[in-house]
Amino acid sequence: MTYQEALAWGRYIDRYGSLHTGRRLEAGSALVALQTHRLGGGMAELLDFMPHEQRLGLSLERAMNEWR
């Protein structure tokens, strides 16, 4: 694999997520669970149903907007 190919795969993974089959299955299942939850009136987020994914930290600007 050339360096350019590795960079291209890195960009793909950054954009679309892991290529790991288990993670892809988890994401699909989480999407179904989220839709079912929201039909019942819930306000959960997708990451609430994905235990192996990590939440990104809040940026200063986003935190300031949420606290206002």
C-alpha atoms as a PDB file:
ATOM      1  CA  MET A   1       0.000   0.000   0.000  1.00  0.00           C
ATOM      2  CA  THR A   2       1.408   3.370  -0.929  1.00  0.00           C
ATOM      3  CA  TYR A   3       1.467   6.348   1.383  1.00  0.00           C
ATOM      4  CA  GLN A   4      -1.204   8.063  -0.733  1.00  0.00           C
ATOM      5  CA  GLU A   5      -3.495   5.023  -0.425  1.00  0.00           C
ATOM      6  CA  ALA A   6      -3.031   5.011   3.350  1.00  0.00           C
ATOM      7  CA  LEU A   7      -3.980   8.693   3.485  1.00  0.00           C
ATOM      8  CA  ALA A   8      -7.054   8.030   1.343  1.00  0.00           C
ATOM      9  CA  TRP A   9      -8.162   5.180   3.639  1.00  0.00           C
ATOM     10  CA  GLY A  10      -7.557   7.406   6.653  1.00  0.00           C
ATOM     11  CA  ARG A  11      -9.828  10.083   5.188  1.00  0.00           C
ATOM     12  CA  TYR A  12     -12.473   7.449   4.409  1.00  0.00           C
ATOM     13  CA  ILE A  13     -12.407   6.107   7.969  1.00  0.00           C
ATOM     14  CA  ASP A  14     -12.548   9.638   9.410  1.00  0.00           C
ATOM     15  CA  ARG A  15     -15.605  10.379   7.308  1.00  0.00           C
ATOM     16  CA  TYR A  16     -17.543   7.085   7.504  1.00  0.00           C
ATOM     17  CA  GLY A  17     -16.240   5.441  10.669  1.00  0.00           C
ATOM     18  CA  SER A  18     -14.565   2.157  11.431  1.00  0.00           C
ATOM     19  CA  LEU A  19     -14.355  -0.677   8.921  1.00  0.00           C
ATOM     20  CA  HIS A  20     -14.725  -3.181  11.778  1.00  0.00           C
ATOM     21  CA  THR A  21     -17.768  -5.402  11.124  1.00  0.00           C
ATOM     22  CA  GLY A  22     -18.787  -5.436  14.781  1.00  0.00           C
ATOM     23  CA  ARG A  23     -18.796  -1.646  14.963  1.00  0.00           C
ATOM     24  CA  ARG A  24     -20.844  -1.428  11.766  1.00  0.00           C
ATOM     25  CA  LEU A  25     -23.361  -3.907  13.188  1.00  0.00           C
ATOM     26  CA  GLU A  26     -23.471  -1.928  16.430  1.00  0.00           C
ATOM     27  CA  ALA A  27     -24.157   1.295  14.520  1.00  0.00           C
ATOM     28  CA  GLY A  28     -27.010  -0.279  12.546  1.00  0.00           C
ATOM     29  CA  SER A  29     -28.564  -1.782  15.658  1.00  0.00           C
ATOM     30  CA  ALA A  30     -28.205   1.527  17.475  1.00  0.00           C
ATOM     31  CA  LEU A  31     -30.040   3.302  14.662  1.00  0.00           C
ATOM     32  CA  VAL A  32     -32.971   0.878  14.923  1.00  0.00           C
ATOM     33  CA  ALA A  33     -33.000   1.230  18.730  1.00  0.00           C
ATOM     34  CA  LEU A  34     -32.930   5.032  18.463  1.00  0.00           C
ATOM     35  CA  GLN A  35     -35.872   5.143  16.072  1.00  0.00           C
ATOM     36  CA  THR A  36     -37.868   2.767  18.277  1.00  0.00           C
ATOM     37  CA  HIS A  37     -37.039   4.867  21.326  1.00  0.00           C
ATOM     38  CA  ARG A  38     -38.042   8.114  19.609  1.00  0.00           C
ATOM     39  CA  LEU A  39     -41.355   6.608  18.459  1.00  0.00           C
ATOM     40  CA  GLY A  40     -42.092   6.155  22.150  1.00  0.00           C
ATOM     41  CA  GLY A  41     -41.347   9.825  22.816  1.00  0.00           C
ATOM     42  CA  GLY A  42     -37.766   9.459  24.037  1.00  0.00           C
ATOM     43  CA  MET A  43     -35.066  12.061  23.486  1.00  0.00           C
ATOM     44  CA  ALA A  44     -31.960   9.838  23.452  1.00  0.00           C
ATOM     45  CA  GLU A  45     -29.052  10.326  21.075  1.00  0.00           C
ATOM     46  CA  LEU A  46     -27.540   7.715  18.774  1.00  0.00           C
ATOM     47  CA  LEU A  47     -24.429   7.365  20.931  1.00  0.00           C
ATOM     48  CA  ASP A  48     -26.612   6.362  23.891  1.00  0.00           C
ATOM     49  CA  PHE A  49     -27.143   3.034  22.117  1.00  0.00           C
ATOM     50  CA  MET A  50     -23.498   2.550  21.071  1.00  0.00           C
ATOM     51  CA  PRO A  51     -21.497   1.476  24.143  1.00  0.00           C
ATOM     52  CA  HIS A  52     -18.191   1.111  22.271  1.00  0.00           C
ATOM     53  CA  GLU A  53     -18.184   4.613  20.782  1.00  0.00           C
ATOM     54  CA  GLN A  54     -16.762   7.570  22.668  1.00  0.00           C
ATOM     55  CA  ARG A  55     -18.455  10.926  22.858  1.00  0.00           C
ATOM     56  CA  LEU A  56     -16.500  13.893  21.619  1.00  0.00           C
ATOM     57  CA  GLY A  57     -15.838  16.630  24.135  1.00  0.00           C
ATOM     58  CA  LEU A  58     -17.676  19.925  23.880  1.00  0.00           C
ATOM     59  CA  SER A  59     -15.936  22.818  22.232  1.00  0.00           C
ATOM     60  CA  LEU A  60     -15.807  26.052  24.181  1.00  0.00           C
ATOM     61  CA  GLU A  61     -18.187  27.779  21.750  1.00  0.00           C
ATOM     62  CA  ARG A  62     -20.758  24.987  21.880  1.00  0.00           C
ATOM     63  CA  ALA A  63     -20.605  24.828  25.672  1.00  0.00           C
ATOM     64  CA  MET A  64     -21.114  28.596  25.949  1.00  0.00           C
ATOM     65  CA  ASN A  65     -24.127  28.425  23.591  1.00  0.00           C
ATOM     66  CA  GLU A  66     -25.694  25.559  25.548  1.00  0.00           C
ATOM     67  CA  TRP A  67     -25.235  27.323  28.889  1.00  0.00           C
ATOM     68  CA  ARG A  68     -26.995  30.511  27.771  1.00  0.00           C
END
